Amino acid sequence: MPEPDPMPEPEPDPDPNPNPNPDFQIIIDSNNGNNGANAEMKVSGSWTASGGPSQYGTGYWWQSTQPKSDVAEFAFYLDEPMQLTVDAWWTQGQNRSSSAAFIIWNASLNLLDIVYTNQKAGGGQWNELGTYQFQAGWNYVDLSIWGNPGSVVVADAVRVRAN
């Protein structure tokens, strides 16, 4: 009796959320005039526009830390789910918060992470916040002013990129 053919090896499951372009990135600038249709930045009337050395683009927003909720919202739109790395850009200074909170949300408004950054250092460059699985639709990175009075937070730019 002939031997039966062995079962073929199963094919590996394809990556459900491949990043088709390793160079994929969206930059959300504090100046919406620099953003495409897939990026938008919003602040309340309590934020102050400013500019200076080591800023990204044409300026930034700042606000004093306070024990209340008021965020600078960096929003980006994805056509499909993607795993992306989030980076933030700020100008540094001694009056900056040493614990500026970036709050990362997916399109279903599920909290993905809160990352505390020291804005007294690392200015004038991209600072990696982490890598997250985002959904199709509008996703958000918020910068909170929540904190003890006496310092400021700077909302300049956020970048999401393929990793």
Protein backbone atom coordinates (compact mmCIF):
# COMPACT_ATOMS: atom_id res chain seq x y z
CA MET A 1 0.00 0.00 0.00
CA PRO A 2 1.49 3.37 -0.99
CA GLU A 3 2.25 5.91 1.69
CA PRO A 4 -0.19 8.86 1.76
CA ASP A 5 1.19 12.23 0.83
CA PRO A 6 2.22 14.13 3.91
CA MET A 7 0.04 17.09 4.86
CA PRO A 8 1.48 20.25 3.39
CA GLU A 9 2.87 22.74 5.86
CA PRO A 10 0.31 25.47 6.56
CA GLU A 11 1.15 28.86 5.18
CA PRO A 12 1.94 31.44 7.85
CA ASP A 13 -0.85 33.89 8.54
CA PRO A 14 -0.21 37.10 6.70
CA ASP A 15 0.34 40.18 8.84
CA PRO A 16 -3.18 41.54 9.37
CA ASN A 17 -1.96 45.14 9.40
CA PRO A 18 1.07 45.37 7.18
CA ASN A 19 2.66 48.73 6.62
CA PRO A 20 2.97 48.64 2.85
CA ASN A 21 5.35 51.58 2.78
CA PRO A 22 8.29 51.60 5.20
CA ASP A 23 8.65 55.34 4.53
CA PHE A 24 5.06 56.05 5.62
CA GLN A 25 4.71 59.04 7.91
CA ILE A 26 2.25 61.77 8.83
CA ILE A 27 3.45 64.96 10.49
CA ILE A 28 0.88 66.99 12.42
CA ASP A 29 2.25 70.52 12.73
CA SER A 30 1.00 73.14 15.17
CA ASN A 31 0.22 75.29 12.12
CA ASN A 32 -2.68 73.64 10.27
CA GLY A 33 -1.61 75.49 7.11
CA ASN A 34 1.29 73.02 6.96
CA ASN A 35 -0.93 69.93 7.39
CA GLY A 36 -2.53 67.76 4.76
CA ALA A 37 -6.10 66.48 4.75
CA ASN A 38 -5.04 63.57 7.00
CA ALA A 39 -3.68 65.76 9.84
CA GLU A 40 -5.16 68.43 12.09
CA MET A 41 -4.11 70.24 15.26
CA LYS A 42 -6.53 71.93 17.69
CA VAL A 43 -6.07 74.02 20.84
CA SER A 44 -8.50 75.96 23.02
CA GLY A 45 -8.37 79.73 23.30
CA SER A 46 -6.23 79.34 26.45
CA TRP A 47 -3.15 78.35 24.46
CA THR A 48 -0.70 81.04 23.24
CA ALA A 49 0.95 81.03 19.80
CA SER A 50 4.69 81.59 19.80
CA GLY A 51 7.86 80.85 17.91
CA GLY A 52 11.56 80.67 18.41
CA PRO A 53 14.74 78.71 17.91
CA SER A 54 14.48 74.95 17.42
CA GLN A 55 10.76 75.02 16.59
CA TYR A 56 9.30 72.68 13.98
CA GLY A 57 7.76 74.48 11.02
CA THR A 58 6.45 77.99 11.57
CA GLY A 59 5.74 78.19 15.31
CA TYR A 60 4.22 76.39 18.28
CA TRP A 61 1.60 76.70 21.03
CA TRP A 62 2.28 76.86 24.77
CA GLN A 63 0.25 76.99 27.97
CA SER A 64 1.04 77.08 31.69
CA THR A 65 0.60 73.87 33.62
CA GLN A 66 -2.51 73.81 35.81
CA PRO A 67 -4.53 71.21 37.70
CA LYS A 68 -7.22 71.14 35.02
CA SER A 69 -7.92 69.43 31.73
CA ASP A 70 -7.05 71.33 28.55
CA VAL A 71 -5.18 69.56 25.76
CA ALA A 72 -3.50 70.37 22.50
CA GLU A 73 -4.94 67.77 20.13
CA PHE A 74 -2.88 66.30 17.31
CA ALA A 75 -5.18 64.19 15.09
CA PHE A 76 -4.29 61.98 12.13
CA TYR A 77 -6.43 59.94 9.77
CA LEU A 78 -5.63 56.41 8.59
CA ASP A 79 -7.40 54.58 5.77
CA GLU A 80 -6.52 51.23 7.35
CA PRO A 81 -5.21 49.95 10.69
CA MET A 82 -1.47 50.36 11.12
CA GLN A 83 1.20 49.89 13.73
CA LEU A 84 3.02 53.21 13.97
CA THR A 85 5.68 54.85 16.08
CA VAL A 86 4.75 58.22 17.61
CA ASP A 87 7.32 61.01 17.96
CA ALA A 88 6.89 64.50 19.42
CA TRP A 89 8.82 67.74 18.80
CA TRP A 90 9.06 70.65 21.26
CA THR A 91 11.31 73.57 22.05
CA GLN A 92 13.17 73.12 25.31
CA GLY A 93 13.64 75.65 28.09
CA GLN A 94 14.12 75.83 31.84
CA ASN A 95 10.49 76.95 32.30
CA ARG A 96 9.19 73.79 30.59
CA SER A 97 7.45 70.93 32.34
CA SER A 98 9.60 67.99 33.36
CA SER A 99 6.51 65.74 33.15
CA ALA A 100 4.50 66.87 30.10
CA ALA A 101 1.88 64.18 29.46
CA PHE A 102 1.20 62.96 25.91
CA ILE A 103 -2.03 60.93 25.87
CA ILE A 104 -2.40 58.51 22.95
CA TRP A 105 -5.85 57.35 21.73
CA ASN A 106 -7.01 55.13 18.89
CA ALA A 107 -9.96 55.90 16.61
CA SER A 108 -12.40 54.19 19.02
CA LEU A 109 -11.16 56.58 21.73
CA ASN A 110 -9.53 53.75 23.64
CA LEU A 111 -6.58 54.99 25.68
CA LEU A 112 -3.39 53.38 24.38
CA ASP A 113 -0.83 55.08 26.63
CA ILE A 114 0.19 58.15 28.62
CA VAL A 115 3.83 59.12 28.12
CA TYR A 116 5.47 61.68 30.43
CA THR A 117 8.24 63.71 28.81
CA ASN A 118 10.80 66.18 30.10
CA GLN A 119 10.45 69.29 27.92
CA LYS A 120 13.40 70.95 29.69
CA ALA A 121 15.56 68.79 27.39
CA GLY A 122 15.34 67.10 23.99
CA GLY A 123 14.10 70.19 22.15
CA GLY A 124 14.55 70.78 18.44
CA GLN A 125 14.35 67.09 17.53
CA TRP A 126 11.97 64.17 17.28
CA ASN A 127 11.51 62.35 20.60
CA GLU A 128 10.05 58.85 20.40
CA LEU A 129 6.99 58.25 22.58
CA GLY A 130 6.32 54.61 21.63
CA THR A 131 4.84 52.23 19.06
CA TYR A 132 1.12 51.52 18.97
CA GLN A 133 -1.56 49.75 16.96
CA PHE A 134 -3.88 52.40 15.49
CA GLN A 135 -7.25 51.88 13.81
CA ALA A 136 -8.66 53.16 10.55
CA GLY A 137 -10.18 56.60 11.11
CA TRP A 138 -9.11 59.59 13.21
CA ASN A 139 -6.56 58.76 15.93
CA TYR A 140 -5.25 61.25 18.49
CA VAL A 141 -2.18 62.32 20.44
CA ASP A 142 -3.07 64.90 23.09
CA LEU A 143 -0.66 67.03 25.10
CA SER A 144 -2.12 67.82 28.52
CA ILE A 145 -1.49 70.90 30.67
CA TRP A 146 -2.38 68.92 33.81
CA GLY A 147 0.27 69.52 36.46
CA ASN A 148 1.41 71.72 39.28
CA PRO A 149 1.51 75.43 38.36
CA GLY A 150 4.90 76.94 37.62
CA SER A 151 5.93 75.56 34.26
CA VAL A 152 4.68 75.43 30.67
CA VAL A 153 4.09 72.73 28.07
CA VAL A 154 4.91 73.23 24.38
CA ALA A 155 2.79 71.74 21.58
CA ASP A 156 4.87 71.97 18.40
CA ALA A 157 4.53 68.85 16.22
CA VAL A 158 3.76 65.13 16.33
CA ARG A 159 4.86 62.55 13.78
CA VAL A 160 3.54 59.03 13.27
CA ARG A 161 5.70 56.73 11.16
CA ALA A 162 6.08 53.17 10.02
CA ASN A 163 8.51 51.20 12.10
